[in-house]
């Protein structure tokens, strides 16, 4: 999955902070639940991209390889965190 971001331009100006009635969004915190099953805490990451993403049970199912749930990079092993 590839994400594309566009820079604000004259045709689509960025909203001013005063124009918005909602508070500024806070930076997102890293996930704490498994990105595969969403029921257990994250305990494994891919050693290549270092994105924490899998719990123990899901990591055992993907121990021989897969794709990172965050960036899609292929991995052939997992690292306990």
Protein backbone atom coordinates (compact mmCIF):
# COMPACT_ATOMS: atom_id res chain seq x y z
CA UNK A 1 0.00 0.00 0.00
CA UNK A 2 1.43 3.36 -0.99
CA UNK A 3 0.27 6.62 0.53
CA UNK A 4 0.46 9.83 -1.45
CA UNK A 5 0.47 13.23 0.18
CA UNK A 6 -0.20 16.45 -1.65
CA UNK A 7 1.30 19.77 -0.71
CA UNK A 8 -1.23 22.60 -0.16
CA UNK A 9 -1.54 24.81 -3.22
CA UNK A 10 -3.30 28.04 -4.12
CA UNK A 11 -6.32 26.08 -5.36
CA UNK A 12 -6.50 24.11 -2.07
CA UNK A 13 -5.17 26.38 0.68
CA UNK A 14 -4.52 24.90 4.08
CA UNK A 15 -7.13 25.87 6.67
CA UNK A 16 -5.96 28.40 9.18
CA UNK A 17 -5.86 27.32 12.84
CA UNK A 18 -8.26 30.14 13.78
CA UNK A 19 -10.85 28.95 11.24
CA UNK A 20 -11.10 25.52 12.83
CA UNK A 21 -13.34 25.12 15.86
CA UNK A 22 -11.82 21.78 16.90
CA UNK A 23 -8.56 21.56 18.86
CA UNK A 24 -5.35 20.69 17.05
CA UNK A 25 -4.89 16.93 16.63
CA UNK A 26 -2.28 15.37 18.85
CA UNK A 27 0.48 13.27 17.29
CA UNK A 28 -0.67 9.67 17.01
CA UNK A 29 0.84 7.29 19.49
CA UNK A 30 2.20 3.93 18.37
CA UNK A 31 -0.32 1.08 18.52
CA UNK A 32 -0.26 -1.19 21.56
CA UNK A 33 -2.58 -3.94 20.26
CA UNK A 34 -1.62 -6.45 17.58
CA UNK A 35 -2.28 -5.05 14.11
CA UNK A 36 -3.40 -8.50 12.92
CA UNK A 37 -5.87 -9.71 15.58
CA UNK A 38 -6.32 -6.52 17.69
CA UNK A 39 -6.77 -8.59 20.86
CA UNK A 40 -3.27 -9.07 22.31
CA UNK A 41 -0.40 -6.68 23.07
CA UNK A 42 2.32 -6.20 20.46
CA UNK A 43 5.49 -8.17 21.23
CA UNK A 44 7.21 -8.66 17.84
CA UNK A 45 8.55 -6.45 15.06
CA UNK A 46 10.16 -6.89 11.68
CA UNK A 47 13.95 -6.49 12.01
CA UNK A 48 14.20 -4.76 8.61
CA UNK A 49 11.70 -1.90 9.05
CA UNK A 50 11.43 -2.13 12.87
CA UNK A 51 7.66 -1.54 12.98
CA UNK A 52 6.18 -3.20 16.09
CA UNK A 53 3.06 -4.93 14.82
CA UNK A 54 2.40 -8.52 15.97
CA UNK A 55 1.46 -10.30 19.18
CA UNK A 56 3.03 -13.61 20.19
CA UNK A 57 0.29 -15.78 18.62
CA UNK A 58 0.21 -13.96 15.28
CA UNK A 59 4.02 -13.82 15.17
CA UNK A 60 4.20 -17.60 15.52
CA UNK A 61 1.86 -17.95 12.52
CA UNK A 62 4.06 -15.62 10.42
CA UNK A 63 7.47 -16.62 11.78
CA UNK A 64 8.80 -17.77 8.41
CA UNK A 65 7.89 -14.58 6.58
CA UNK A 66 5.24 -12.12 5.57
CA UNK A 67 4.66 -8.42 5.03
CA UNK A 68 4.80 -5.66 7.63
CA UNK A 69 1.30 -4.53 8.63
CA UNK A 70 2.50 -0.90 8.73
CA UNK A 71 4.63 -0.39 5.61
CA UNK A 72 4.23 -3.60 3.61
CA UNK A 73 7.95 -4.42 3.54
CA UNK A 74 8.64 -8.15 3.28
CA UNK A 75 10.30 -9.90 6.22
CA UNK A 76 11.72 -13.39 6.62
CA UNK A 77 12.08 -13.42 10.41
CA UNK A 78 10.70 -11.56 13.42
CA UNK A 79 12.36 -9.88 16.38
CA UNK A 80 10.93 -9.91 19.91
CA UNK A 81 10.63 -6.46 21.49
